[in-house]
Amino acid sequence: MDVPVFSEVDKATSPRTWLLVPSFLLGPETWRDVGKVLEMLKQSCVIPHPSPTTPRHDDHIAPWLVEVLDAVPEPDPDRPIVAVGHSASCPRMPLVVDALLEVGHQVETMILVNGRFPEDQVVPTDRDFPLRDTLDQLVRPDDYLPPWHRWWGPMVEDMLPDDEARSRVLCEARPVPRAIFEQPIPAPKLPSEVGVGFLAMGEMYQPSYDEARSQGWAIAQIDGEHLHMVVDPVLVAGTLMSLVSQARRKT
């Protein structure tokens, strides 16, 4: 599909608070430049950085959720929230939106970016046996997985060809417990007034993109790799704003 440009973005709408949730395998640097672009467009941005869980935790989702919610300012009726999740955080985003609504926030739109489509109570590796095998090969004796970029070797340079950008993004990658990928993820049903959208960057998450399209979500697909928001934050920010406008028309 054609890539939206800023001239197509509805700038007449009231400002929003953008909750930009990184993958729990990386950190806020993945969203930093997109946040700056959105702030230039008179938007407010929040980028949480939850603390990692350890193999001793029985629950790897609840502590993460609490810290994501703690980063969000008090409800503001003049600034509805757009909740955006990337990669491994995508299946958890309905939990985030549901919790925000529970405490009185107005959530206008939820957008997933290059991640797995949410399915209620599904264990991530149950839908991806090659991923399970890969993680089993990577797990360390202390039951941690190594930082995310060590999973992929030279492929990371293709995702982030700029040395400076690659350094600042990957320095936030942390070891995570292997068990984090074996916990079922609740995906509560969201009210119809919350718009939903999916942004695919490249074809890595084509099945999730196809599922979003089949369910009537607002969708967009741009050329790029898994971390294209670092490479071209202007394009990604503009596409996200266009998705919000599309999602509003569908609700």
Protein backbone atom coordinates (compact mmCIF):
# COMPACT_ATOMS: atom_id res chain seq x y z
CA MET A 1 0.00 0.00 0.00
CA ASP A 2 1.07 3.59 -0.40
CA VAL A 3 2.92 5.05 2.59
CA PRO A 4 1.05 7.91 4.31
CA VAL A 5 2.76 11.30 4.35
CA PHE A 6 2.26 14.16 6.77
CA SER A 7 -0.05 15.98 4.37
CA GLU A 8 -2.51 13.12 4.87
CA VAL A 9 -2.34 13.25 8.66
CA ASP A 10 -5.30 14.86 10.39
CA LYS A 11 -3.55 17.64 12.30
CA ALA A 12 -6.81 19.35 13.26
CA THR A 13 -7.59 16.84 16.00
CA SER A 14 -6.83 17.67 19.62
CA PRO A 15 -3.43 16.71 21.07
CA ARG A 16 -2.97 13.22 22.45
CA THR A 17 -0.77 11.46 24.95
CA TRP A 18 1.23 8.78 23.14
CA LEU A 19 2.26 5.82 25.29
CA LEU A 20 5.13 4.30 23.31
CA VAL A 21 5.90 0.89 24.84
CA PRO A 22 9.20 -0.68 23.76
CA SER A 23 9.79 -4.39 23.46
CA PHE A 24 10.70 -5.70 26.91
CA LEU A 25 13.83 -7.05 25.19
CA LEU A 26 15.08 -3.54 24.38
CA GLY A 27 14.37 -0.09 25.83
CA PRO A 28 13.15 3.49 25.34
CA GLU A 29 15.82 4.35 22.75
CA THR A 30 13.83 2.41 20.17
CA TRP A 31 11.06 5.05 20.44
CA ARG A 32 13.07 8.14 21.40
CA ASP A 33 13.25 9.78 17.95
CA VAL A 34 9.64 8.97 17.07
CA GLY A 35 8.66 10.63 20.34
CA LYS A 36 10.60 13.75 19.37
CA VAL A 37 8.80 13.94 16.03
CA LEU A 38 5.40 13.56 17.69
CA GLU A 39 6.26 16.27 20.20
CA MET A 40 7.08 18.60 17.31
CA LEU A 41 3.50 17.95 16.20
CA LYS A 42 2.20 19.15 19.59
CA GLN A 43 1.70 15.65 20.98
CA SER A 44 2.73 14.44 24.44
CA CYS A 45 4.83 11.28 24.66
CA VAL A 46 5.58 8.79 27.42
CA ILE A 47 8.11 5.97 26.96
CA PRO A 48 8.17 3.55 29.92
CA HIS A 49 11.21 1.47 30.86
CA PRO A 50 10.07 -1.33 33.18
CA SER A 51 12.65 -3.16 35.24
CA PRO A 52 13.45 -6.69 34.02
CA THR A 53 12.09 -9.68 35.89
CA THR A 54 14.33 -12.51 37.05
CA PRO A 55 14.05 -16.32 36.91
CA ARG A 56 12.85 -16.15 40.53
CA HIS A 57 9.64 -14.35 39.52
CA ASP A 58 6.54 -16.49 39.19
CA ASP A 59 4.78 -13.78 37.17
CA HIS A 60 6.67 -11.91 34.44
CA ILE A 61 3.72 -9.82 33.25
CA ALA A 62 2.20 -8.17 36.33
CA PRO A 63 5.36 -6.31 37.47
CA TRP A 64 5.93 -5.09 33.90
CA LEU A 65 2.33 -3.88 33.65
CA VAL A 66 2.54 -1.95 36.92
CA GLU A 67 5.65 -0.09 35.78
CA VAL A 68 4.16 0.73 32.37
CA LEU A 69 1.07 2.19 34.06
CA ASP A 70 3.18 4.12 36.57
CA ALA A 71 4.79 6.01 33.68
CA VAL A 72 1.45 7.38 32.46
CA PRO A 73 0.38 10.80 33.79
CA GLU A 74 -2.98 11.39 35.47
CA PRO A 75 -6.04 11.14 33.20
CA ASP A 76 -6.53 14.26 31.08
CA PRO A 77 -9.89 14.57 29.31
CA ASP A 78 -8.27 16.88 26.75
CA ARG A 79 -5.57 14.38 25.82
CA PRO A 80 -6.80 10.88 25.01
CA ILE A 81 -4.18 8.15 25.00
CA VAL A 82 -2.79 6.35 21.99
CA ALA A 83 -1.13 3.16 23.26
CA VAL A 84 1.55 1.83 20.90
CA GLY A 85 3.46 -1.39 21.49
CA HIS A 86 6.45 -2.79 19.62
CA SER A 87 7.55 -6.36 19.02
CA ALA A 88 7.47 -8.63 22.12
CA SER A 89 5.22 -6.16 23.97
CA CYS A 90 2.44 -6.35 21.36
CA PRO A 91 0.56 -9.35 22.83
CA ARG A 92 0.48 -7.53 26.20
CA MET A 93 -0.99 -4.29 24.88
CA PRO A 94 -4.68 -5.23 25.42
CA LEU A 95 -3.75 -5.70 29.09
CA VAL A 96 -2.25 -2.20 29.14
CA VAL A 97 -5.30 -0.63 27.53
CA ASP A 98 -7.72 -2.53 29.76
CA ALA A 99 -5.84 -1.39 32.88
CA LEU A 100 -5.75 2.23 31.67
CA LEU A 101 -9.49 2.21 31.10
CA GLU A 102 -10.01 0.69 34.54
CA VAL A 103 -8.36 3.67 36.24
CA GLY A 104 -10.25 6.28 34.25
CA HIS A 105 -8.10 7.04 31.23
CA GLN A 106 -9.65 7.71 27.84
CA VAL A 107 -7.84 5.41 25.40
CA GLU A 108 -8.53 6.43 21.84
CA THR A 109 -6.43 3.91 19.93
CA MET A 110 -4.19 0.88 20.40
CA ILE A 111 -1.55 0.30 17.71
CA LEU A 112 0.68 -2.76 17.44
CA VAL A 113 3.99 -2.44 15.59
CA ASN A 114 5.78 -5.53 14.26
CA GLY A 115 4.63 -7.95 16.90
CA ARG A 116 2.49 -11.01 17.46
CA PHE A 117 -1.27 -10.55 17.24
CA PRO A 118 -2.84 -10.90 20.72
CA GLU A 119 -4.60 -14.16 21.55
CA ASP A 120 -6.09 -14.69 24.98
CA GLN A 121 -4.08 -16.96 27.30
CA VAL A 122 -1.70 -18.08 24.58
CA VAL A 123 1.89 -18.99 25.44
CA PRO A 124 4.12 -17.21 22.85
CA THR A 125 6.16 -20.27 21.94
CA ASP A 126 3.03 -22.40 21.50
CA ARG A 127 2.45 -20.52 18.23
CA ASP A 128 6.09 -20.55 17.18
CA PHE A 129 7.98 -23.82 17.60
CA PRO A 130 11.11 -22.55 15.78
CA LEU A 131 11.28 -19.72 18.34
CA ARG A 132 11.02 -22.24 21.16
CA ASP A 133 13.90 -24.27 19.71
CA THR A 134 15.99 -21.12 19.26
CA LEU A 135 15.41 -20.00 22.85
CA ASP A 136 16.21 -23.45 24.18
CA GLN A 137 19.55 -23.32 22.38
CA LEU A 138 20.31 -19.83 23.71
CA VAL A 139 19.33 -20.25 27.36
CA ARG A 140 22.23 -19.92 29.82
CA PRO A 141 22.88 -22.09 32.89
CA ASP A 142 21.38 -19.31 35.06
CA ASP A 143 18.06 -19.63 33.12
CA TYR A 144 18.52 -16.26 31.41
CA LEU A 145 18.52 -15.59 27.69
CA PRO A 146 21.35 -13.37 26.42
CA PRO A 147 20.54 -9.81 25.30
CA TRP A 148 18.30 -9.76 22.24
CA HIS A 149 20.87 -8.64 19.67
CA ARG A 150 23.05 -11.65 20.44
CA TRP A 151 20.28 -13.87 19.09
CA TRP A 152 20.62 -12.53 15.57
CA GLY A 153 24.30 -11.85 14.91
CA PRO A 154 25.06 -9.82 11.75
CA MET A 155 21.33 -9.36 11.00
CA VAL A 156 21.28 -6.58 13.60
CA GLU A 157 23.58 -4.45 11.43
CA ASP A 158 21.02 -4.70 8.62
CA MET A 159 18.31 -3.49 11.00
CA LEU A 160 20.45 -0.62 12.32
CA PRO A 161 23.15 0.27 9.80
CA ASP A 162 24.12 3.48 11.62
CA ASP A 163 26.84 2.74 14.20
CA GLU A 164 25.74 5.43 16.67
CA ALA A 165 22.07 4.45 16.55
CA ARG A 166 22.93 0.78 16.89
CA SER A 167 25.12 1.46 19.92
CA ARG A 168 22.54 3.51 21.83
CA VAL A 169 19.69 1.10 21.11
CA LEU A 170 21.54 -2.12 21.86
CA CYS A 171 23.13 -0.84 25.06
CA GLU A 172 19.62 -1.09 26.57
CA ALA A 173 19.19 -4.76 25.65
CA ARG A 174 19.19 -6.87 28.81
CA PRO A 175 19.22 -10.59 29.60
CA VAL A 176 15.71 -11.85 30.32
CA PRO A 177 14.47 -15.06 31.94
CA ARG A 178 13.75 -17.92 29.56
CA ALA A 179 10.48 -18.43 31.47
CA ILE A 180 9.15 -15.08 30.24
CA PHE A 181 8.23 -16.79 26.97
CA GLU A 182 6.33 -19.62 28.67
CA GLN A 183 3.75 -17.56 30.55
CA PRO A 184 0.23 -17.36 29.06
CA ILE A 185 -0.70 -13.78 28.15
CA PRO A 186 -4.26 -12.58 28.83
CA ALA A 187 -5.78 -10.52 26.03
CA PRO A 188 -8.97 -8.90 27.38
CA LYS A 189 -11.58 -7.85 24.85
CA LEU A 190 -11.50 -4.09 24.42
CA PRO A 191 -14.58 -1.89 24.10
CA SER A 192 -15.59 -0.95 20.57
CA GLU A 193 -14.81 2.73 21.12
CA VAL A 194 -11.09 1.94 21.32
CA GLY A 195 -9.70 2.04 17.79
CA VAL A 196 -7.16 -0.60 16.80
CA GLY A 197 -4.37 -0.54 14.26
CA PHE A 198 -1.38 -2.56 13.10
CA LEU A 199 1.82 -1.27 11.52
CA ALA A 200 4.02 -3.78 9.73
CA MET A 201 7.61 -2.82 8.96
CA GLY A 202 8.71 -5.26 6.31
CA GLU A 203 7.29 -8.78 6.19
CA MET A 204 8.55 -10.25 9.48
CA TYR A 205 5.06 -10.20 11.01
CA GLN A 206 3.01 -10.77 7.87
CA PRO A 207 0.67 -13.30 9.57
CA SER A 208 -0.19 -10.77 12.29
CA TYR A 209 -0.70 -8.06 9.67
CA ASP A 210 -3.02 -10.38 7.74
CA GLU A 211 -4.94 -11.21 10.92
CA ALA A 212 -5.37 -7.53 11.75
CA ARG A 213 -6.66 -6.86 8.25
CA SER A 214 -9.10 -9.79 8.44
CA GLN A 215 -10.48 -8.41 11.71
CA GLY A 216 -11.08 -4.97 10.26
CA TRP A 217 -8.23 -3.13 12.01
CA ALA A 218 -6.64 -0.03 10.52
CA ILE A 219 -3.46 -1.28 8.84
CA ALA A 220 -0.31 0.09 7.23
CA GLN A 221 2.83 -1.54 5.88
CA ILE A 222 6.10 0.21 5.12
CA ASP A 223 9.39 -1.02 3.74
CA GLY A 224 12.01 -1.48 6.41
CA GLU A 225 13.45 -3.74 9.04
CA HIS A 226 12.26 -4.57 12.55
CA LEU A 227 13.67 -1.36 14.08
CA HIS A 228 12.73 1.02 11.28
CA MET A 229 11.38 3.57 13.77
CA VAL A 230 15.03 4.21 14.70
CA VAL A 231 16.10 4.45 11.05
CA ASP A 232 13.27 6.70 9.82
CA PRO A 233 11.34 8.17 12.78
CA VAL A 234 9.60 10.80 10.62
CA LEU A 235 8.03 8.18 8.38
CA VAL A 236 7.02 5.97 11.28
CA ALA A 237 5.56 8.85 13.31
CA GLY A 238 3.55 10.03 10.32
CA THR A 239 2.29 6.52 9.64
CA LEU A 240 1.22 6.10 13.27
CA MET A 241 -0.74 9.36 13.15
CA SER A 242 -2.40 8.25 9.92
CA LEU A 243 -3.35 4.94 11.55
CA VAL A 244 -5.03 6.81 14.41
CA SER A 245 -7.13 8.70 11.89
CA GLN A 246 -8.01 5.45 10.08
CA ALA A 247 -8.89 3.69 13.32
CA ARG A 248 -11.15 6.58 14.42
CA ARG A 249 -13.10 6.30 11.19
CA LYS A 250 -13.61 2.56 11.80
CA THR A 251 -15.03 2.93 15.33
